[in-house]
Amino acid sequence: MAFFAQGLIDVFIDLRDKIRVQDIAAGYFLIKEAGGLILDANQNPLDSDLEYETRLSFIAATNQEILDDVMSKIK
């Protein structure tokens, strides 16, 4: 996700429901500070409890236009 925040990639998608929120907390902050979007698998703002057992999927994109373009191609 550091590559994402630096502008080296435009979108990152992980829909496996295997990511722990603790594993992406720093990346979440980097993406939000860089002005990007970080959403759940249903394209809603990512919001999760902090339980260790919780697993999630997420989509990160630099902006809504890129997100819409990518999602239209994978649906």
PDB file of N, CA and C in Angstrom:
ATOM      1  N   MET A   1       0.814  -1.185   0.000  1.00  0.00           N
ATOM      2  CA  MET A   1       0.000   0.000   0.000  1.00  0.00           C
ATOM      3  C   MET A   1       0.861   1.254   0.000  1.00  0.00           C
ATOM      4  N   ALA A   2       2.115   1.135   0.380  1.00  0.00           N
ATOM      5  CA  ALA A   2       3.001   2.291   0.301  1.00  0.00           C
ATOM      6  C   ALA A   2       3.204   2.696  -1.156  1.00  0.00           C
ATOM      7  N   PHE A   3       3.292   1.722  -2.069  1.00  0.00           N
ATOM      8  CA  PHE A   3       3.387   2.037  -3.499  1.00  0.00           C
ATOM      9  C   PHE A   3       2.159   2.814  -3.955  1.00  0.00           C
ATOM     10  N   PHE A   4       1.017   2.427  -3.447  1.00  0.00           N
ATOM     11  CA  PHE A   4      -0.232   3.108  -3.780  1.00  0.00           C
ATOM     12  C   PHE A   4      -0.173   4.567  -3.322  1.00  0.00           C
ATOM     13  N   ALA A   5       0.210   4.775  -2.084  1.00  0.00           N
ATOM     14  CA  ALA A   5       0.263   6.129  -1.527  1.00  0.00           C
ATOM     15  C   ALA A   5       1.289   7.002  -2.245  1.00  0.00           C
ATOM     16  N   GLN A   6       2.332   6.391  -2.801  1.00  0.00           N
ATOM     17  CA  GLN A   6       3.348   7.136  -3.545  1.00  0.00           C
ATOM     18  C   GLN A   6       2.926   7.425  -4.977  1.00  0.00           C
ATOM     19  N   GLY A   7       1.794   6.878  -5.399  1.00  0.00           N
ATOM     20  CA  GLY A   7       1.328   7.103  -6.759  1.00  0.00           C
ATOM     21  C   GLY A   7       1.901   6.140  -7.781  1.00  0.00           C
ATOM     22  N   LEU A   8       2.507   5.059  -7.325  1.00  0.00           N
ATOM     23  CA  LEU A   8       3.101   4.093  -8.247  1.00  0.00           C
ATOM     24  C   LEU A   8       2.080   3.099  -8.794  1.00  0.00           C
ATOM     25  N   ILE A   9       0.973   2.915  -8.090  1.00  0.00           N
ATOM     26  CA  ILE A   9      -0.138   2.107  -8.592  1.00  0.00           C
ATOM     27  C   ILE A   9      -1.428   2.889  -8.361  1.00  0.00           C
ATOM     28  N   ASP A  10      -2.448   2.616  -9.171  1.00  0.00           N
ATOM     29  CA  ASP A  10      -3.708   3.364  -9.086  1.00  0.00           C
ATOM     30  C   ASP A  10      -4.818   2.626  -8.363  1.00  0.00           C
ATOM     31  N   VAL A  11      -4.726   1.309  -8.315  1.00  0.00           N
ATOM     32  CA  VAL A  11      -5.789   0.531  -7.678  1.00  0.00           C
ATOM     33  C   VAL A  11      -5.187  -0.741  -7.085  1.00  0.00           C
ATOM     34  N   PHE A  12      -5.761  -1.167  -5.966  1.00  0.00           N
ATOM     35  CA  PHE A  12      -5.363  -2.415  -5.324  1.00  0.00           C
ATOM     36  C   PHE A  12      -6.632  -3.089  -4.849  1.00  0.00           C
ATOM     37  N   ILE A  13      -6.814  -4.352  -5.212  1.00  0.00           N
ATOM     38  CA  ILE A  13      -8.030  -5.081  -4.855  1.00  0.00           C
ATOM     39  C   ILE A  13      -7.643  -6.401  -4.208  1.00  0.00           C
ATOM     40  N   ASP A  14      -8.217  -6.675  -3.043  1.00  0.00           N
ATOM     41  CA  ASP A  14      -8.050  -7.967  -2.381  1.00  0.00           C
ATOM     42  C   ASP A  14      -9.419  -8.401  -1.883  1.00  0.00           C
ATOM     43  N   LEU A  15     -10.036  -9.346  -2.571  1.00  0.00           N
ATOM     44  CA  LEU A  15     -11.395  -9.787  -2.247  1.00  0.00           C
ATOM     45  C   LEU A  15     -11.415 -11.194  -1.652  1.00  0.00           C
ATOM     46  N   ARG A  16     -10.340 -11.600  -1.004  1.00  0.00           N
ATOM     47  CA  ARG A  16     -10.232 -12.961  -0.481  1.00  0.00           C
ATOM     48  C   ARG A  16     -10.821 -13.144   0.913  1.00  0.00           C
ATOM     49  N   ASP A  17     -11.214 -12.076   1.584  1.00  0.00           N
ATOM     50  CA  ASP A  17     -11.681 -12.148   2.983  1.00  0.00           C
ATOM     51  C   ASP A  17     -10.640 -12.805   3.888  1.00  0.00           C
ATOM     52  N   LYS A  18      -9.375 -12.444   3.696  1.00  0.00           N
ATOM     53  CA  LYS A  18      -8.304 -13.019   4.508  1.00  0.00           C
ATOM     54  C   LYS A  18      -7.459 -11.962   5.214  1.00  0.00           C
ATOM     55  N   ILE A  19      -7.687 -10.698   4.919  1.00  0.00           N
ATOM     56  CA  ILE A  19      -6.873  -9.622   5.482  1.00  0.00           C
ATOM     57  C   ILE A  19      -7.394  -9.254   6.870  1.00  0.00           C
ATOM     58  N   ARG A  20      -6.483  -9.138   7.821  1.00  0.00           N
ATOM     59  CA  ARG A  20      -6.860  -8.655   9.151  1.00  0.00           C
ATOM     60  C   ARG A  20      -6.760  -7.134   9.145  1.00  0.00           C
ATOM     61  N   VAL A  21      -7.653  -6.486   9.839  1.00  0.00           N
ATOM     62  CA  VAL A  21      -7.645  -5.025   9.870  1.00  0.00           C
ATOM     63  C   VAL A  21      -6.314  -4.502  10.424  1.00  0.00           C
ATOM     64  N   GLN A  22      -5.716  -5.247  11.342  1.00  0.00           N
ATOM     65  CA  GLN A  22      -4.429  -4.832  11.902  1.00  0.00           C
ATOM     66  C   GLN A  22      -3.329  -4.827  10.836  1.00  0.00           C
ATOM     67  N   ASP A  23      -3.474  -5.680   9.825  1.00  0.00           N
ATOM     68  CA  ASP A  23      -2.461  -5.769   8.768  1.00  0.00           C
ATOM     69  C   ASP A  23      -2.504  -4.593   7.799  1.00  0.00           C
ATOM     70  N   ILE A  24      -3.632  -3.923   7.712  1.00  0.00           N
ATOM     71  CA  ILE A  24      -3.737  -2.819   6.754  1.00  0.00           C
ATOM     72  C   ILE A  24      -3.933  -1.462   7.424  1.00  0.00           C
ATOM     73  N   ALA A  25      -3.849  -1.412   8.743  1.00  0.00           N
ATOM     74  CA  ALA A  25      -4.110  -0.151   9.449  1.00  0.00           C
ATOM     75  C   ALA A  25      -3.185   0.973   8.973  1.00  0.00           C
ATOM     76  N   ALA A  26      -1.904   0.708   8.881  1.00  0.00           N
ATOM     77  CA  ALA A  26      -0.967   1.750   8.435  1.00  0.00           C
ATOM     78  C   ALA A  26      -1.227   2.121   6.979  1.00  0.00           C
ATOM     79  N   GLY A  27      -1.476   1.116   6.146  1.00  0.00           N
ATOM     80  CA  GLY A  27      -1.784   1.376   4.742  1.00  0.00           C
ATOM     81  C   GLY A  27      -3.063   2.169   4.571  1.00  0.00           C
ATOM     82  N   TYR A  28      -4.054   1.862   5.391  1.00  0.00           N
ATOM     83  CA  TYR A  28      -5.314   2.611   5.374  1.00  0.00           C
ATOM     84  C   TYR A  28      -5.033   4.096   5.610  1.00  0.00           C
ATOM     85  N   PHE A  29      -4.229   4.367   6.619  1.00  0.00           N
ATOM     86  CA  PHE A  29      -3.874   5.752   6.936  1.00  0.00           C
ATOM     87  C   PHE A  29      -3.133   6.409   5.769  1.00  0.00           C
ATOM     88  N   LEU A  30      -2.176   5.717   5.177  1.00  0.00           N
ATOM     89  CA  LEU A  30      -1.419   6.272   4.046  1.00  0.00           C
ATOM     90  C   LEU A  30      -2.330   6.599   2.868  1.00  0.00           C
ATOM     91  N   ILE A  31      -3.233   5.687   2.553  1.00  0.00           N
ATOM     92  CA  ILE A  31      -4.144   5.901   1.427  1.00  0.00           C
ATOM     93  C   ILE A  31      -5.070   7.076   1.686  1.00  0.00           C
ATOM     94  N   LYS A  32      -5.642   7.138   2.879  1.00  0.00           N
ATOM     95  CA  LYS A  32      -6.549   8.246   3.207  1.00  0.00           C
ATOM     96  C   LYS A  32      -5.804   9.581   3.174  1.00  0.00           C
ATOM     97  N   GLU A  33      -4.602   9.624   3.712  1.00  0.00           N
ATOM     98  CA  GLU A  33      -3.815  10.861   3.722  1.00  0.00           C
ATOM     99  C   GLU A  33      -3.405  11.275   2.311  1.00  0.00           C
ATOM    100  N   ALA A  34      -3.240  10.308   1.419  1.00  0.00           N
ATOM    101  CA  ALA A  34      -2.875  10.609   0.034  1.00  0.00           C
ATOM    102  C   ALA A  34      -4.094  11.009  -0.798  1.00  0.00           C
ATOM    103  N   GLY A  35      -5.284  10.976  -0.180  1.00  0.00           N
ATOM    104  CA  GLY A  35      -6.503  11.376  -0.882  1.00  0.00           C
ATOM    105  C   GLY A  35      -7.196  10.250  -1.624  1.00  0.00           C
ATOM    106  N   GLY A  36      -6.780   9.017  -1.362  1.00  0.00           N
ATOM    107  CA  GLY A  36      -7.377   7.870  -2.043  1.00  0.00           C
ATOM    108  C   GLY A  36      -8.635   7.369  -1.363  1.00  0.00           C
ATOM    109  N   LEU A  37      -9.248   6.387  -1.999  1.00  0.00           N
ATOM    110  CA  LEU A  37     -10.448   5.732  -1.480  1.00  0.00           C
ATOM    111  C   LEU A  37     -10.066   4.352  -0.984  1.00  0.00           C
ATOM    112  N   ILE A  38     -10.626   3.938   0.127  1.00  0.00           N
ATOM    113  CA  ILE A  38     -10.462   2.567   0.593  1.00  0.00           C
ATOM    114  C   ILE A  38     -11.835   2.069   1.015  1.00  0.00           C
ATOM    115  N   LEU A  39     -12.291   1.037   0.318  1.00  0.00           N
ATOM    116  CA  LEU A  39     -13.671   0.575   0.427  1.00  0.00           C
ATOM    117  C   LEU A  39     -13.720  -0.916   0.724  1.00  0.00           C
ATOM    118  N   ASP A  40     -14.893  -1.363   1.198  1.00  0.00           N
ATOM    119  CA  ASP A  40     -15.082  -2.800   1.367  1.00  0.00           C
ATOM    120  C   ASP A  40     -15.455  -3.425   0.022  1.00  0.00           C
ATOM    121  N   ALA A  41     -15.720  -4.708   0.008  1.00  0.00           N
ATOM    122  CA  ALA A  41     -16.016  -5.414  -1.245  1.00  0.00           C
ATOM    123  C   ALA A  41     -17.293  -4.927  -1.912  1.00  0.00           C
ATOM    124  N   ASN A  42     -18.182  -4.280  -1.153  1.00  0.00           N
ATOM    125  CA  ASN A  42     -19.430  -3.738  -1.706  1.00  0.00           C
ATOM    126  C   ASN A  42     -19.307  -2.270  -2.093  1.00  0.00           C
ATOM    127  N   GLN A  43     -18.087  -1.765  -2.094  1.00  0.00           N
ATOM    128  CA  GLN A  43     -17.767  -0.376  -2.436  1.00  0.00           C
ATOM    129  C   GLN A  43     -18.348   0.634  -1.451  1.00  0.00           C
ATOM    130  N   ASN A  44     -18.459   0.223  -0.195  1.00  0.00           N
ATOM    131  CA  ASN A  44     -18.835   1.131   0.887  1.00  0.00           C
ATOM    132  C   ASN A  44     -17.564   1.499   1.637  1.00  0.00           C
ATOM    133  N   PRO A  45     -17.548   2.647   2.307  1.00  0.00           N
ATOM    134  CA  PRO A  45     -16.351   2.999   3.079  1.00  0.00           C
ATOM    135  C   PRO A  45     -15.954   1.856   4.017  1.00  0.00           C
ATOM    136  N   LEU A  46     -14.683   1.536   4.036  1.00  0.00           N
ATOM    137  CA  LEU A  46     -14.202   0.425   4.852  1.00  0.00           C
ATOM    138  C   LEU A  46     -14.415   0.737   6.326  1.00  0.00           C
ATOM    139  N   ASP A  47     -15.122  -0.144   6.995  1.00  0.00           N
ATOM    140  CA  ASP A  47     -15.401  -0.002   8.422  1.00  0.00           C
ATOM    141  C   ASP A  47     -15.441  -1.405   9.000  1.00  0.00           C
ATOM    142  N   SER A  48     -14.600  -1.686   9.959  1.00  0.00           N
ATOM    143  CA  SER A  48     -14.519  -3.032  10.506  1.00  0.00           C
ATOM    144  C   SER A  48     -14.239  -2.958  11.992  1.00  0.00           C
ATOM    145  N   ASP A  49     -14.663  -4.006  12.698  1.00  0.00           N
ATOM    146  CA  ASP A  49     -14.288  -4.067  14.105  1.00  0.00           C
ATOM    147  C   ASP A  49     -12.805  -4.417  14.189  1.00  0.00           C
ATOM    148  N   LEU A  50     -12.252  -4.295  15.353  1.00  0.00           N
ATOM    149  CA  LEU A  50     -10.814  -4.499  15.526  1.00  0.00           C
ATOM    150  C   LEU A  50     -10.477  -5.859  16.111  1.00  0.00           C
ATOM    151  N   GLU A  51     -11.423  -6.780  16.091  1.00  0.00           N
ATOM    152  CA  GLU A  51     -11.179  -8.119  16.621  1.00  0.00           C
ATOM    153  C   GLU A  51     -10.113  -8.828  15.790  1.00  0.00           C
ATOM    154  N   TYR A  52      -9.235  -9.535  16.456  1.00  0.00           N
ATOM    155  CA  TYR A  52      -8.140 -10.235  15.780  1.00  0.00           C
ATOM    156  C   TYR A  52      -8.652 -11.252  14.766  1.00  0.00           C
ATOM    157  N   GLU A  53      -9.773 -11.894  15.066  1.00  0.00           N
ATOM    158  CA  GLU A  53     -10.309 -12.940  14.204  1.00  0.00           C
ATOM    159  C   GLU A  53     -10.990 -12.400  12.951  1.00  0.00           C
ATOM    160  N   THR A  54     -11.357 -11.137  12.943  1.00  0.00           N
ATOM    161  CA  THR A  54     -12.079 -10.553  11.813  1.00  0.00           C
ATOM    162  C   THR A  54     -11.193 -10.520  10.574  1.00  0.00           C
ATOM    163  N   ARG A  55     -11.745 -10.982   9.469  1.00  0.00           N
ATOM    164  CA  ARG A  55     -11.054 -10.937   8.186  1.00  0.00           C
ATOM    165  C   ARG A  55     -11.893 -10.104   7.230  1.00  0.00           C
ATOM    166  N   LEU A  56     -11.253  -9.403   6.324  1.00  0.00           N
ATOM    167  CA  LEU A  56     -11.992  -8.533   5.420  1.00  0.00           C
ATOM    168  C   LEU A  56     -11.384  -8.515   4.037  1.00  0.00           C
ATOM    169  N   SER A  57     -12.147  -7.962   3.123  1.00  0.00           N
ATOM    170  CA  SER A  57     -11.713  -7.685   1.758  1.00  0.00           C
ATOM    171  C   SER A  57     -11.714  -6.173   1.589  1.00  0.00           C
ATOM    172  N   PHE A  58     -10.919  -5.673   0.663  1.00  0.00           N
ATOM    173  CA  PHE A  58     -10.939  -4.228   0.446  1.00  0.00           C
ATOM    174  C   PHE A  58     -10.513  -3.877  -0.966  1.00  0.00           C
ATOM    175  N   ILE A  59     -10.885  -2.672  -1.337  1.00  0.00           N
ATOM    176  CA  ILE A  59     -10.540  -2.089  -2.627  1.00  0.00           C
ATOM    177  C   ILE A  59      -9.966  -0.708  -2.337  1.00  0.00           C
ATOM    178  N   ALA A  60      -8.813  -0.413  -2.887  1.00  0.00           N
ATOM    179  CA  ALA A  60      -8.222   0.913  -2.745  1.00  0.00           C
ATOM    180  C   ALA A  60      -8.034   1.504  -4.138  1.00  0.00           C
ATOM    181  N   ALA A  61      -8.371   2.770  -4.287  1.00  0.00           N
ATOM    182  CA  ALA A  61      -8.226   3.438  -5.585  1.00  0.00           C
ATOM    183  C   ALA A  61      -7.823   4.889  -5.369  1.00  0.00           C
ATOM    184  N   THR A  62      -7.116   5.433  -6.351  1.00  0.00           N
ATOM    185  CA  THR A  62      -6.664   6.815  -6.220  1.00  0.00           C
ATOM    186  C   THR A  62      -7.816   7.803  -6.288  1.00  0.00           C
ATOM    187  N   ASN A  63      -8.865   7.461  -7.052  1.00  0.00           N
ATOM    188  CA  ASN A  63     -10.026   8.352  -7.146  1.00  0.00           C
ATOM    189  C   ASN A  63     -11.236   7.572  -7.655  1.00  0.00           C
ATOM    190  N   GLN A  64     -12.384   8.201  -7.621  1.00  0.00           N
ATOM    191  CA  GLN A  64     -13.634   7.546  -8.006  1.00  0.00           C
ATOM    192  C   GLN A  64     -13.648   7.154  -9.479  1.00  0.00           C
ATOM    193  N   GLU A  65     -13.078   7.983 -10.333  1.00  0.00           N
ATOM    194  CA  GLU A  65     -13.064   7.694 -11.769  1.00  0.00           C
ATOM    195  C   GLU A  65     -12.315   6.395 -12.069  1.00  0.00           C
ATOM    196  N   ILE A  66     -11.156   6.237 -11.481  1.00  0.00           N
ATOM    197  CA  ILE A  66     -10.383   5.012 -11.687  1.00  0.00           C
ATOM    198  C   ILE A  66     -11.120   3.819 -11.095  1.00  0.00           C
ATOM    199  N   LEU A  67     -11.695   3.990  -9.924  1.00  0.00           N
ATOM    200  CA  LEU A  67     -12.464   2.912  -9.305  1.00  0.00           C
ATOM    201  C   LEU A  67     -13.610   2.471 -10.206  1.00  0.00           C
ATOM    202  N   ASP A  68     -14.381   3.423 -10.712  1.00  0.00           N
ATOM    203  CA  ASP A  68     -15.509   3.101 -11.591  1.00  0.00           C
ATOM    204  C   ASP A  68     -15.042   2.372 -12.848  1.00  0.00           C
ATOM    205  N   ASP A  69     -13.933   2.822 -13.429  1.00  0.00           N
ATOM    206  CA  ASP A  69     -13.402   2.198 -14.638  1.00  0.00           C
ATOM    207  C   ASP A  69     -13.005   0.745 -14.375  1.00  0.00           C
ATOM    208  N   VAL A  70     -12.268   0.512 -13.312  1.00  0.00           N
ATOM    209  CA  VAL A  70     -11.821  -0.843 -12.989  1.00  0.00           C
ATOM    210  C   VAL A  70     -13.004  -1.740 -12.648  1.00  0.00           C
ATOM    211  N   MET A  71     -13.923  -1.253 -11.841  1.00  0.00           N
ATOM    212  CA  MET A  71     -15.059  -2.079 -11.425  1.00  0.00           C
ATOM    213  C   MET A  71     -15.956  -2.425 -12.611  1.00  0.00           C
ATOM    214  N   SER A  72     -16.074  -1.537 -13.576  1.00  0.00           N
ATOM    215  CA  SER A  72     -16.899  -1.838 -14.753  1.00  0.00           C
ATOM    216  C   SER A  72     -16.287  -2.965 -15.584  1.00  0.00           C
ATOM    217  N   LYS A  73     -14.989  -3.126 -15.487  1.00  0.00           N
ATOM    218  CA  LYS A  73     -14.306  -4.164 -16.261  1.00  0.00           C
ATOM    219  C   LYS A  73     -14.305  -5.522 -15.569  1.00  0.00           C
ATOM    220  N   ILE A  74     -14.461  -5.543 -14.256  1.00  0.00           N
ATOM    221  CA  ILE A  74     -14.403  -6.829 -13.558  1.00  0.00           C
ATOM    222  C   ILE A  74     -15.769  -7.356 -13.145  1.00  0.00           C
ATOM    223  N   LYS A  75     -16.815  -6.601 -13.348  1.00  0.00           N
ATOM    224  CA  LYS A  75     -18.161  -7.081 -12.989  1.00  0.00           C
ATOM    225  C   LYS A  75     -18.736  -7.923 -14.078  1.00  0.00           C
TER     226      LYS A  75
END
